[in-house]
Protein backbone atom coordinates (compact mmCIF):
# COMPACT_ATOMS: atom_id res chain seq x y z
CA MET A 1 96.98 111.04 97.59
CA ASN A 2 96.35 113.18 100.56
CA TYR A 3 93.22 113.47 102.68
CA GLN A 4 91.33 116.18 104.53
CA TYR A 5 88.76 114.75 107.05
CA THR A 6 86.05 116.62 108.70
CA SER A 7 84.17 114.96 111.31
CA LEU A 8 80.30 115.73 111.48
CA SER A 9 79.24 112.78 113.92
CA LYS A 10 80.08 109.76 115.06
CA THR A 11 79.28 108.17 111.85
CA THR A 12 79.54 110.75 109.22
CA ALA A 13 81.98 112.72 107.85
CA ILE A 14 83.41 115.18 104.93
CA ILE A 15 86.53 113.82 103.12
CA GLU A 16 88.52 115.73 100.50
CA LEU A 17 90.74 113.71 98.12
CA ILE A 18 93.96 115.96 97.46
CA PRO A 19 95.73 114.33 94.52
CA ASP A 20 99.65 114.55 95.15
CA THR A 21 101.01 113.64 91.49
CA GLU A 22 99.96 114.19 88.05
CA VAL A 23 98.73 110.58 87.70
CA GLU A 24 96.22 111.04 90.54
CA LYS A 25 95.15 114.34 89.17
CA THR A 26 94.45 112.78 85.71
CA LEU A 27 92.91 109.52 87.33
CA LEU A 28 90.20 112.08 89.21
CA LYS A 29 89.66 114.31 86.32
CA SER A 30 88.68 111.11 84.26
CA LEU A 31 85.99 109.99 86.70
CA ASN A 32 82.57 110.74 84.93
CA LYS A 33 79.87 111.50 87.56
CA ASP A 34 77.23 109.74 85.11
CA ASN A 35 79.18 106.64 84.99
CA LEU A 36 80.98 106.02 88.30
CA ASP A 37 83.90 104.15 88.83
CA GLN A 38 82.67 103.24 92.36
CA ASP A 39 85.60 100.86 92.90
CA THR A 40 88.08 103.77 92.27
CA LEU A 41 85.93 106.05 94.38
CA TYR A 42 85.32 103.93 97.22
CA HIS A 43 89.12 102.95 97.66
CA TYR A 44 90.09 106.31 97.76
CA TYR A 45 87.45 107.59 100.13
CA GLN A 46 87.83 104.15 102.60
CA GLU A 47 91.79 105.26 102.23
CA GLY A 48 91.20 108.85 103.55
CA LEU A 49 88.63 107.41 106.31
CA GLU A 50 91.18 104.67 107.79
CA ARG A 51 94.31 107.40 107.92
CA ASN A 52 91.63 109.00 110.59
CA ASN A 53 90.14 105.75 112.16
CA ILE A 54 91.94 102.46 111.45
CA SER A 55 88.90 100.56 112.43
CA ALA A 56 86.50 102.67 110.38
CA VAL A 57 84.65 101.18 107.21
CA LEU A 58 83.17 103.25 104.67
CA LEU A 59 79.09 102.79 104.28
CA SER A 60 78.48 104.97 101.74
CA ILE A 61 79.49 107.98 99.74
CA ASN A 62 76.40 110.26 100.80
CA SER A 63 76.54 113.00 98.47
CA PHE A 64 79.27 114.96 96.70
CA ILE A 65 80.26 118.75 97.62
CA HIS A 66 82.91 118.89 94.69
CA PHE A 67 82.91 115.95 92.16
CA PRO A 68 84.86 114.10 92.83
CA ASN A 69 87.36 115.28 95.21
CA LYS A 70 85.11 116.38 97.99
CA ALA A 71 82.04 114.27 99.61
CA ALA A 72 79.93 113.55 102.48
CA ILE A 73 80.57 109.84 103.50
CA SER A 74 78.73 107.58 106.31
CA PHE A 75 81.06 104.99 108.03
CA GLU A 76 80.60 102.67 111.11
CA VAL A 77 83.74 102.02 113.22
CA VAL A 78 84.37 98.22 113.84
CA ILE A 79 86.01 97.27 117.16
CA GLY A 80 87.47 93.73 117.41
CA LEU A 81 88.03 92.38 114.14
CA GLY A 82 91.41 90.76 113.51
CA GLY A 83 92.30 90.16 116.81
């Protein structure tokens, strides 16, 4: 999966999920907005966030701009964990 990251502020951003493989495309197409698989979505949005800042932790997916591939998210940067 590839990611497009656009910063909105120190704690908000827009992340776009860009599938690389047919498996990823199928996975995203199979997600149902009315019955969200939160673990899968949070995993991919967290991964996209970490690619921009390894210390960032996803707090929430605020709203979808284009479900499920593009969303506004909130996060915090955690300094000092793990060493």
